[in-house]
Amino acid sequence: MEKSIAFTPPVVTDDEVDTPPVLQEDLEDTKASTQTVDVEETFDPPAEKKPVVVEVKKEVIETFVDEEPVFGGEGLKRFLVDNIKYPQIAKETGIEGKCYISFVIDKTGNISNVTVAKGIRGCPECDKEAVRVLKLSQGKWKPARINGVPVKYRYMIPVEYKLL
């Protein structure tokens, strides 16, 4: 095998060049091989690829916080009184009681997962009305905080239906 000229990466310096770079004309006399030289491989084959496990950290919904979430505006009780419409079927049959509505307030004050934790026996319409009105409170909450940092929080509120 004949010796060939290898490419060297350029180096930028402030020194003057003593030897000029090799010209293309000088390279015409060199002999480059057109065949691949077999070289004994000394490396190990790659190990089997293990599947990449991506761990998704599930956001914790807090139940104990330093600062409870606060409903903005005129207050939550006033909001409920102004917006809940007593279901007609409950009025006609004289149904009264409390339903408990559970929902999550996220770090930005938005609510989600509005569900009936315990409803009024015999009046699913009352439960649905409470859920409907609580969904109207979307975006009007100041989030709960732990050490001054907003966190997700599960909130439960009783909604009372009473005939006057």
Protein backbone atom coordinates (compact mmCIF):
# COMPACT_ATOMS: atom_id res chain seq x y z
CA MET A 1 0.00 0.00 0.00
CA GLU A 2 1.36 3.39 -0.95
CA LYS A 3 1.39 6.37 1.34
CA SER A 4 -1.27 9.00 0.65
CA ILE A 5 -1.75 12.52 1.93
CA ALA A 6 -4.33 12.84 4.67
CA PHE A 7 -6.58 15.82 5.10
CA THR A 8 -5.76 17.88 8.14
CA PRO A 9 -8.26 20.36 9.46
CA PRO A 10 -7.27 24.01 9.11
CA VAL A 11 -5.89 25.83 12.16
CA VAL A 12 -6.19 29.61 12.37
CA THR A 13 -3.22 31.36 14.00
CA ASP A 14 -1.50 34.72 13.86
CA ASP A 15 1.85 33.11 12.87
CA GLU A 16 3.26 33.45 9.40
CA VAL A 17 3.09 30.36 7.21
CA ASP A 18 6.53 28.81 6.57
CA THR A 19 5.38 26.07 4.26
CA PRO A 20 2.65 26.73 1.73
CA PRO A 21 -0.29 24.31 1.52
CA VAL A 22 -0.19 21.41 -0.95
CA LEU A 23 -1.50 22.38 -4.37
CA GLN A 24 -3.91 20.31 -6.43
CA GLU A 25 -1.24 19.85 -9.12
CA ASP A 26 1.05 18.18 -6.59
CA LEU A 27 -1.68 15.70 -5.64
CA GLU A 28 -2.11 14.39 -9.20
CA ASP A 29 0.92 12.16 -8.82
CA THR A 30 -0.36 10.44 -5.70
CA LYS A 31 -2.04 7.10 -6.02
CA ALA A 32 -5.31 6.60 -4.22
CA SER A 33 -6.69 3.12 -3.84
CA THR A 34 -10.05 2.17 -5.29
CA GLN A 35 -10.32 -0.92 -3.07
CA THR A 36 -11.37 -1.27 0.51
CA VAL A 37 -8.75 -2.76 2.76
CA ASP A 38 -10.12 -5.44 5.10
CA VAL A 39 -9.36 -4.57 8.67
CA GLU A 40 -9.97 -6.91 11.54
CA GLU A 41 -12.80 -5.48 13.62
CA THR A 42 -11.93 -5.15 17.28
CA PHE A 43 -15.10 -3.64 18.60
CA ASP A 44 -18.00 -5.42 20.26
CA PRO A 45 -21.32 -5.49 18.46
CA PRO A 46 -23.79 -3.00 19.88
CA ALA A 47 -25.79 -4.28 22.81
CA GLU A 48 -29.50 -4.79 22.37
CA LYS A 49 -31.32 -1.53 22.63
CA LYS A 50 -33.47 -1.35 25.72
CA PRO A 51 -36.75 0.47 25.35
CA VAL A 52 -36.62 4.02 26.64
CA VAL A 53 -38.90 4.44 29.62
CA VAL A 54 -40.35 7.91 29.88
CA GLU A 55 -41.58 8.60 33.35
CA VAL A 56 -44.54 10.94 33.35
CA LYS A 57 -44.77 12.69 36.65
CA LYS A 58 -48.40 12.83 37.62
CA GLU A 59 -49.36 16.17 39.07
CA VAL A 60 -50.50 15.83 42.65
CA ILE A 61 -53.86 17.21 43.67
CA GLU A 62 -53.44 18.60 47.16
CA THR A 63 -56.00 18.25 49.94
CA PHE A 64 -54.14 20.15 52.68
CA VAL A 65 -52.73 23.59 51.86
CA ASP A 66 -51.42 26.71 53.61
CA GLU A 67 -53.86 29.02 51.82
CA GLU A 68 -57.30 27.81 50.69
CA PRO A 69 -58.53 28.85 47.23
CA VAL A 70 -60.62 32.00 47.18
CA PHE A 71 -63.56 32.75 44.91
CA GLY A 72 -63.28 36.22 43.42
CA GLY A 73 -66.02 38.72 42.84
CA GLU A 74 -68.97 39.05 45.19
CA GLY A 75 -68.29 35.82 47.10
CA LEU A 76 -69.19 32.22 46.44
CA LYS A 77 -72.41 32.14 48.47
CA ARG A 78 -73.73 35.24 46.70
CA PHE A 79 -72.72 33.74 43.33
CA LEU A 80 -74.61 30.51 44.09
CA VAL A 81 -77.71 32.32 45.33
CA ASP A 82 -77.79 34.57 42.26
CA ASN A 83 -77.31 31.76 39.73
CA ILE A 84 -78.99 28.60 41.05
CA LYS A 85 -82.51 28.07 39.80
CA TYR A 86 -84.48 25.78 42.12
CA PRO A 87 -85.63 22.86 39.93
CA GLN A 88 -89.40 22.93 39.34
CA ILE A 89 -89.83 19.23 40.18
CA ALA A 90 -88.15 19.83 43.56
CA LYS A 91 -90.45 22.79 44.27
CA GLU A 92 -93.56 20.78 43.41
CA THR A 93 -92.61 17.80 45.55
CA GLY A 94 -91.17 19.89 48.41
CA ILE A 95 -87.66 18.45 48.21
CA GLU A 96 -85.00 20.19 50.30
CA GLY A 97 -81.48 19.20 51.25
CA LYS A 98 -77.76 19.56 50.64
CA CYS A 99 -75.68 18.18 47.83
CA TYR A 100 -71.90 18.14 48.00
CA ILE A 101 -70.01 19.09 44.86
CA SER A 102 -66.34 18.21 44.40
CA PHE A 103 -64.04 19.87 41.88
CA VAL A 104 -60.37 20.62 41.24
CA ILE A 105 -58.96 24.14 41.12
CA ASP A 106 -55.73 24.21 39.12
CA LYS A 107 -52.68 26.46 39.54
CA THR A 108 -54.21 29.16 37.32
CA GLY A 109 -57.59 29.28 39.09
CA ASN A 110 -59.54 27.25 36.53
CA ILE A 111 -61.82 24.45 37.68
CA SER A 112 -62.24 20.93 36.33
CA ASN A 113 -63.64 17.52 37.31
CA VAL A 114 -66.86 18.98 38.71
CA THR A 115 -68.75 16.01 40.17
CA VAL A 116 -71.45 15.28 42.71
CA ALA A 117 -69.79 13.77 45.78
CA LYS A 118 -73.12 13.27 47.58
CA GLY A 119 -76.44 14.19 46.07
CA ILE A 120 -79.90 14.98 47.36
CA ARG A 121 -81.95 11.81 47.57
CA GLY A 122 -84.80 11.86 45.07
CA CYS A 123 -83.64 14.97 43.22
CA PRO A 124 -80.91 14.43 40.60
CA GLU A 125 -82.09 17.71 39.02
CA CYS A 126 -80.86 19.60 42.10
CA ASP A 127 -77.45 17.95 41.78
CA LYS A 128 -77.23 18.78 38.06
CA GLU A 129 -78.16 22.40 38.73
CA ALA A 130 -75.42 22.75 41.35
CA VAL A 131 -72.85 21.29 38.94
CA ARG A 132 -74.03 23.62 36.16
CA VAL A 133 -73.69 26.72 38.33
CA LEU A 134 -70.28 25.74 39.70
CA LYS A 135 -69.03 25.30 36.14
CA LEU A 136 -70.04 28.95 35.57
CA SER A 137 -67.44 29.96 38.18
CA GLN A 138 -64.65 28.96 35.78
CA GLY A 139 -61.70 31.35 35.93
CA LYS A 140 -62.98 33.29 38.94
CA TRP A 141 -60.86 31.46 41.52
CA LYS A 142 -57.60 32.42 43.18
CA PRO A 143 -55.67 29.10 43.47
CA ALA A 144 -54.66 27.39 46.70
CA ARG A 145 -51.05 27.83 47.80
CA ILE A 146 -48.39 25.90 49.65
CA ASN A 147 -45.40 28.01 50.75
CA GLY A 148 -46.67 30.78 48.46
CA VAL A 149 -46.64 28.53 45.37
CA PRO A 150 -49.96 27.87 43.55
CA VAL A 151 -50.99 24.19 43.57
CA LYS A 152 -53.84 22.01 42.32
CA TYR A 153 -56.44 21.55 45.02
CA ARG A 154 -59.52 19.39 45.44
CA TYR A 155 -62.35 21.51 46.80
CA MET A 156 -65.70 20.32 48.13
CA ILE A 157 -68.63 22.59 48.74
CA PRO A 158 -72.12 21.98 50.10
CA VAL A 159 -74.98 23.48 48.09
CA GLU A 160 -78.17 23.75 50.13
CA TYR A 161 -81.67 23.79 48.67
CA LYS A 162 -84.32 25.22 50.98
CA LEU A 163 -87.87 26.21 50.14
CA LEU A 164 -89.03 29.51 51.59
